[in-house]
Amino acid sequence: MTDPMSVLAMTGATTIVAAMATSTWESARGRVAELFRRRGEDEATAIAVQLDGDAHLVADEDDTEGVREELIRPWARRLAALLREHPEATEELRRVVEEVAAGLPRTEQHWTQNVTAHSGGTAFGTQGPGSSVHIHRHITPEEAASGDSAPGGGTSGDGSSV
């Protein structure tokens, strides 16, 4: 899916589904139904009913993100078919995506990670942009007494002490 219309359809689907069960939903729902009015009033009504049903699924499920993920592909297909039949709808769909995306609640990312190494093992863990790696190695009292603080002779690969 690399042609511009398919990419726009996927972006539109992702944005529409993200708006389900948010304060932006009513506006998004109306704009999407209006897009499909090009196929006739019955199609716009059917799309509005489908949108309502999908929004109820999102709102009622415990796994909200899982439901949203499952709904993206069918909406991408619907939007791609609409754009193939009505290429003049491209700019309107772009505007809908921009407006709906601007109204979506901003979510903060909370990251939690626990990394544990046992029995002299080493563990690394990073998450998200700008992450760095911090290496923590437990030194046993025996290693401290002997000066052997790194595996294989007390130095790291570049000759410096670890």
C-alpha atoms as a PDB file:
ATOM      1  CA  MET A   1       0.000   0.000   0.000  1.00  0.00           C
ATOM      2  CA  THR A   2       2.360   2.679  -1.241  1.00  0.00           C
ATOM      3  CA  ASP A   3       0.363   4.709  -3.731  1.00  0.00           C
ATOM      4  CA  PRO A   4      -0.758   8.093  -2.353  1.00  0.00           C
ATOM      5  CA  MET A   5      -4.477   7.236  -2.352  1.00  0.00           C
ATOM      6  CA  SER A   6      -3.917   4.020  -0.412  1.00  0.00           C
ATOM      7  CA  VAL A   7      -1.707   5.819   2.087  1.00  0.00           C
ATOM      8  CA  LEU A   8      -4.377   8.491   2.529  1.00  0.00           C
ATOM      9  CA  ALA A   9      -7.054   5.814   2.966  1.00  0.00           C
ATOM     10  CA  MET A  10      -4.982   4.116   5.681  1.00  0.00           C
ATOM     11  CA  THR A  11      -4.285   7.443   7.389  1.00  0.00           C
ATOM     12  CA  GLY A  12      -7.971   8.300   7.201  1.00  0.00           C
ATOM     13  CA  ALA A  13      -8.980   4.942   8.650  1.00  0.00           C
ATOM     14  CA  THR A  14      -6.474   5.215  11.480  1.00  0.00           C
ATOM     15  CA  THR A  15      -7.660   8.717  12.332  1.00  0.00           C
ATOM     16  CA  ILE A  16     -11.360   7.840  12.144  1.00  0.00           C
ATOM     17  CA  VAL A  17     -10.948   4.779  14.335  1.00  0.00           C
ATOM     18  CA  ALA A  18      -8.807   6.741  16.814  1.00  0.00           C
ATOM     19  CA  ALA A  19     -11.656   9.251  17.153  1.00  0.00           C
ATOM     20  CA  MET A  20     -14.188   6.576  18.121  1.00  0.00           C
ATOM     21  CA  ALA A  21     -15.268   6.886  21.772  1.00  0.00           C
ATOM     22  CA  THR A  22     -13.616  10.311  22.165  1.00  0.00           C
ATOM     23  CA  SER A  23     -15.033  13.809  22.441  1.00  0.00           C
ATOM     24  CA  THR A  24     -14.208  14.311  18.751  1.00  0.00           C
ATOM     25  CA  TRP A  25     -16.405  11.443  17.618  1.00  0.00           C
ATOM     26  CA  GLU A  26     -19.661  13.193  16.688  1.00  0.00           C
ATOM     27  CA  SER A  27     -17.893  15.670  14.439  1.00  0.00           C
ATOM     28  CA  ALA A  28     -15.725  12.956  12.866  1.00  0.00           C
ATOM     29  CA  ARG A  29     -18.744  10.703  12.306  1.00  0.00           C
ATOM     30  CA  GLY A  30     -20.626  13.440  10.481  1.00  0.00           C
ATOM     31  CA  ARG A  31     -17.676  14.345   8.291  1.00  0.00           C
ATOM     32  CA  VAL A  32     -17.056  10.731   7.270  1.00  0.00           C
ATOM     33  CA  ALA A  33     -20.728  10.085   6.489  1.00  0.00           C
ATOM     34  CA  GLU A  34     -20.689  13.236   4.370  1.00  0.00           C
ATOM     35  CA  LEU A  35     -17.736  11.898   2.371  1.00  0.00           C
ATOM     36  CA  PHE A  36     -19.739   8.795   1.457  1.00  0.00           C
ATOM     37  CA  ARG A  37     -22.753  10.860   0.388  1.00  0.00           C
ATOM     38  CA  ARG A  38     -21.090  10.897  -3.052  1.00  0.00           C
ATOM     39  CA  ARG A  39     -22.405   7.358  -3.430  1.00  0.00           C
ATOM     40  CA  GLY A  40     -25.927   8.433  -2.547  1.00  0.00           C
ATOM     41  CA  GLU A  41     -28.011   9.089   0.531  1.00  0.00           C
ATOM     42  CA  ASP A  42     -28.528   5.383   1.278  1.00  0.00           C
ATOM     43  CA  GLU A  43     -24.767   4.808   1.325  1.00  0.00           C
ATOM     44  CA  ALA A  44     -24.208   7.770   3.660  1.00  0.00           C
ATOM     45  CA  THR A  45     -26.872   6.401   6.003  1.00  0.00           C
ATOM     46  CA  ALA A  46     -25.373   2.896   5.906  1.00  0.00           C
ATOM     47  CA  ILE A  47     -21.899   4.292   6.645  1.00  0.00           C
ATOM     48  CA  ALA A  48     -23.261   6.315   9.582  1.00  0.00           C
ATOM     49  CA  VAL A  49     -24.852   3.148  10.997  1.00  0.00           C
ATOM     50  CA  GLN A  50     -21.574   1.228  10.539  1.00  0.00           C
ATOM     51  CA  LEU A  51     -19.627   4.030  12.210  1.00  0.00           C
ATOM     52  CA  ASP A  52     -22.035   4.013  15.169  1.00  0.00           C
ATOM     53  CA  GLY A  53     -21.756   0.246  15.546  1.00  0.00           C
ATOM     54  CA  ASP A  54     -17.970   0.338  15.424  1.00  0.00           C
ATOM     55  CA  ALA A  55     -17.841   3.216  17.917  1.00  0.00           C
ATOM     56  CA  HIS A  56     -20.015   1.170  20.302  1.00  0.00           C
ATOM     57  CA  LEU A  57     -17.595  -1.758  19.952  1.00  0.00           C
ATOM     58  CA  VAL A  58     -14.686   0.494  20.886  1.00  0.00           C
ATOM     59  CA  ALA A  59     -16.554   1.990  23.843  1.00  0.00           C
ATOM     60  CA  ASP A  60     -17.862  -1.332  25.184  1.00  0.00           C
ATOM     61  CA  GLU A  61     -14.757  -3.522  24.946  1.00  0.00           C
ATOM     62  CA  ASP A  62     -12.115  -3.827  27.629  1.00  0.00           C
ATOM     63  CA  ASP A  63      -9.413  -4.116  24.949  1.00  0.00           C
ATOM     64  CA  THR A  64     -10.109  -0.749  23.319  1.00  0.00           C
ATOM     65  CA  GLU A  65      -6.817  -0.637  21.431  1.00  0.00           C
ATOM     66  CA  GLY A  66      -7.248  -4.188  20.161  1.00  0.00           C
ATOM     67  CA  VAL A  67     -10.692  -3.367  18.781  1.00  0.00           C
ATOM     68  CA  ARG A  68      -9.392  -0.198  17.169  1.00  0.00           C
ATOM     69  CA  GLU A  69      -6.572  -2.139  15.551  1.00  0.00           C
ATOM     70  CA  GLU A  70      -9.056  -4.631  14.082  1.00  0.00           C
ATOM     71  CA  LEU A  71     -11.266  -1.861  12.682  1.00  0.00           C
ATOM     72  CA  ILE A  72      -8.558   0.036  10.813  1.00  0.00           C
ATOM     73  CA  ARG A  73      -8.201  -2.307   7.833  1.00  0.00           C
ATOM     74  CA  PRO A  74     -11.933  -2.468   6.913  1.00  0.00           C
ATOM     75  CA  TRP A  75     -12.180   1.331   7.113  1.00  0.00           C
ATOM     76  CA  ALA A  76      -9.051   1.687   4.991  1.00  0.00           C
ATOM     77  CA  ARG A  77     -10.665  -0.540   2.368  1.00  0.00           C
ATOM     78  CA  ARG A  78     -13.897   1.458   2.417  1.00  0.00           C
ATOM     79  CA  LEU A  79     -12.030   4.733   2.072  1.00  0.00           C
ATOM     80  CA  ALA A  80      -9.739   3.387  -0.675  1.00  0.00           C
ATOM     81  CA  ALA A  81     -12.766   2.200  -2.672  1.00  0.00           C
ATOM     82  CA  LEU A  82     -14.420   5.595  -2.245  1.00  0.00           C
ATOM     83  CA  LEU A  83     -11.272   7.386  -3.446  1.00  0.00           C
ATOM     84  CA  ARG A  84     -10.975   5.085  -6.478  1.00  0.00           C
ATOM     85  CA  GLU A  85     -14.586   5.836  -7.451  1.00  0.00           C
ATOM     86  CA  HIS A  86     -14.424   9.517  -6.497  1.00  0.00           C
ATOM     87  CA  PRO A  87     -10.852  10.833  -6.714  1.00  0.00           C
ATOM     88  CA  GLU A  88     -12.234  14.343  -6.178  1.00  0.00           C
ATOM     89  CA  ALA A  89     -12.865  13.316  -2.548  1.00  0.00           C
ATOM     90  CA  THR A  90      -9.108  13.181  -1.890  1.00  0.00           C
ATOM     91  CA  GLU A  91      -8.739  16.754  -0.683  1.00  0.00           C
ATOM     92  CA  GLU A  92     -11.857  16.547   1.455  1.00  0.00           C
ATOM     93  CA  LEU A  93     -10.579  13.366   3.129  1.00  0.00           C
ATOM     94  CA  ARG A  94      -7.250  15.124   3.790  1.00  0.00           C
ATOM     95  CA  ARG A  95      -9.108  17.980   5.475  1.00  0.00           C
ATOM     96  CA  VAL A  96     -11.188  15.547   7.527  1.00  0.00           C
ATOM     97  CA  VAL A  97      -8.015  13.759   8.678  1.00  0.00           C
ATOM     98  CA  GLU A  98      -6.346  17.040   9.649  1.00  0.00           C
ATOM     99  CA  GLU A  99      -9.377  18.366  11.520  1.00  0.00           C
ATOM    100  CA  VAL A 100     -10.151  15.127  13.322  1.00  0.00           C
ATOM    101  CA  ALA A 101      -6.503  14.528  14.227  1.00  0.00           C
ATOM    102  CA  ALA A 102      -6.235  18.068  15.613  1.00  0.00           C
ATOM    103  CA  GLY A 103      -9.220  17.396  17.887  1.00  0.00           C
ATOM    104  CA  LEU A 104      -8.027  14.059  19.244  1.00  0.00           C
ATOM    105  CA  PRO A 105      -6.956  14.003  22.869  1.00  0.00           C
ATOM    106  CA  ARG A 106      -3.216  13.992  23.329  1.00  0.00           C
ATOM    107  CA  THR A 107      -2.105  10.891  25.116  1.00  0.00           C
ATOM    108  CA  GLU A 108       0.938  10.757  27.286  1.00  0.00           C
ATOM    109  CA  GLN A 109       3.171   7.766  27.019  1.00  0.00           C
ATOM    110  CA  HIS A 110       4.002   6.087  30.269  1.00  0.00           C
ATOM    111  CA  TRP A 111       6.768   3.545  29.971  1.00  0.00           C
ATOM    112  CA  THR A 112       7.624   0.945  32.559  1.00  0.00           C
ATOM    113  CA  GLN A 113      10.311  -1.630  32.147  1.00  0.00           C
ATOM    114  CA  ASN A 114      11.937  -3.968  34.623  1.00  0.00           C
ATOM    115  CA  VAL A 115      15.135  -5.675  33.543  1.00  0.00           C
ATOM    116  CA  THR A 116      16.820  -8.123  35.878  1.00  0.00           C
ATOM    117  CA  ALA A 117      20.007 -10.138  35.533  1.00  0.00           C
ATOM    118  CA  HIS A 118      20.830 -13.064  37.814  1.00  0.00           C
ATOM    119  CA  SER A 119      23.907 -15.128  38.572  1.00  0.00           C
ATOM    120  CA  GLY A 120      26.459 -12.740  37.127  1.00  0.00           C
ATOM    121  CA  GLY A 121      24.412 -12.075  33.971  1.00  0.00           C
ATOM    122  CA  THR A 122      24.184  -8.732  32.236  1.00  0.00           C
ATOM    123  CA  ALA A 123      20.897  -7.106  31.219  1.00  0.00           C
ATOM    124  CA  PHE A 124      20.249  -4.187  28.874  1.00  0.00           C
ATOM    125  CA  GLY A 125      17.003  -2.283  28.397  1.00  0.00           C
ATOM    126  CA  THR A 126      15.931   0.805  26.474  1.00  0.00           C
ATOM    127  CA  GLN A 127      12.593   2.346  25.530  1.00  0.00           C
ATOM    128  CA  GLY A 128      11.455   5.221  23.407  1.00  0.00           C
ATOM    129  CA  PRO A 129      13.237   8.033  21.623  1.00  0.00           C
ATOM    130  CA  GLY A 130      16.325   9.409  23.308  1.00  0.00           C
ATOM    131  CA  SER A 131      16.852   6.293  25.392  1.00  0.00           C
ATOM    132  CA  SER A 132      20.235   5.435  26.776  1.00  0.00           C
ATOM    133  CA  VAL A 133      21.680   2.230  28.154  1.00  0.00           C
ATOM    134  CA  HIS A 134      22.868   2.050  31.737  1.00  0.00           C
ATOM    135  CA  ILE A 135      24.829  -1.010  32.726  1.00  0.00           C
ATOM    136  CA  HIS A 136      24.689  -2.154  36.313  1.00  0.00           C
ATOM    137  CA  ARG A 137      26.650  -5.169  37.388  1.00  0.00           C
ATOM    138  CA  HIS A 138      26.570  -6.605  40.860  1.00  0.00           C
ATOM    139  CA  ILE A 139      30.080  -7.222  42.180  1.00  0.00           C
ATOM    140  CA  THR A 140      30.339  -9.965  44.739  1.00  0.00           C
ATOM    141  CA  PRO A 141      32.454  -9.424  47.849  1.00  0.00           C
ATOM    142  CA  GLU A 142      34.937 -11.981  46.482  1.00  0.00           C
ATOM    143  CA  GLU A 143      35.364 -10.040  43.217  1.00  0.00           C
ATOM    144  CA  ALA A 144      35.785  -6.775  45.101  1.00  0.00           C
ATOM    145  CA  ALA A 145      38.469  -8.294  47.334  1.00  0.00           C
ATOM    146  CA  SER A 146      40.382  -9.778  44.412  1.00  0.00           C
ATOM    147  CA  GLY A 147      40.044  -6.696  42.186  1.00  0.00           C
ATOM    148  CA  ASP A 148      38.321  -8.821  39.527  1.00  0.00           C
ATOM    149  CA  SER A 149      35.352  -6.584  38.687  1.00  0.00           C
ATOM    150  CA  ALA A 150      34.832  -7.591  35.048  1.00  0.00           C
ATOM    151  CA  PRO A 151      34.414 -11.040  33.565  1.00  0.00           C
ATOM    152  CA  GLY A 152      37.626 -12.431  32.121  1.00  0.00           C
ATOM    153  CA  GLY A 153      40.222 -10.372  33.930  1.00  0.00           C
ATOM    154  CA  GLY A 154      38.826  -7.193  35.401  1.00  0.00           C
ATOM    155  CA  THR A 155      38.741  -4.954  32.308  1.00  0.00           C
ATOM    156  CA  SER A 156      36.284  -4.229  29.562  1.00  0.00           C
ATOM    157  CA  GLY A 157      37.033  -4.830  25.889  1.00  0.00           C
ATOM    158  CA  ASP A 158      38.776  -1.455  25.531  1.00  0.00           C
ATOM    159  CA  GLY A 159      41.145  -2.068  28.422  1.00  0.00           C
ATOM    160  CA  SER A 160      39.396   0.198  30.937  1.00  0.00           C
ATOM    161  CA  SER A 161      38.187  -1.063  34.270  1.00  0.00           C
ATOM    162  CA  VAL A 162      34.538  -1.934  34.568  1.00  0.00           C
END
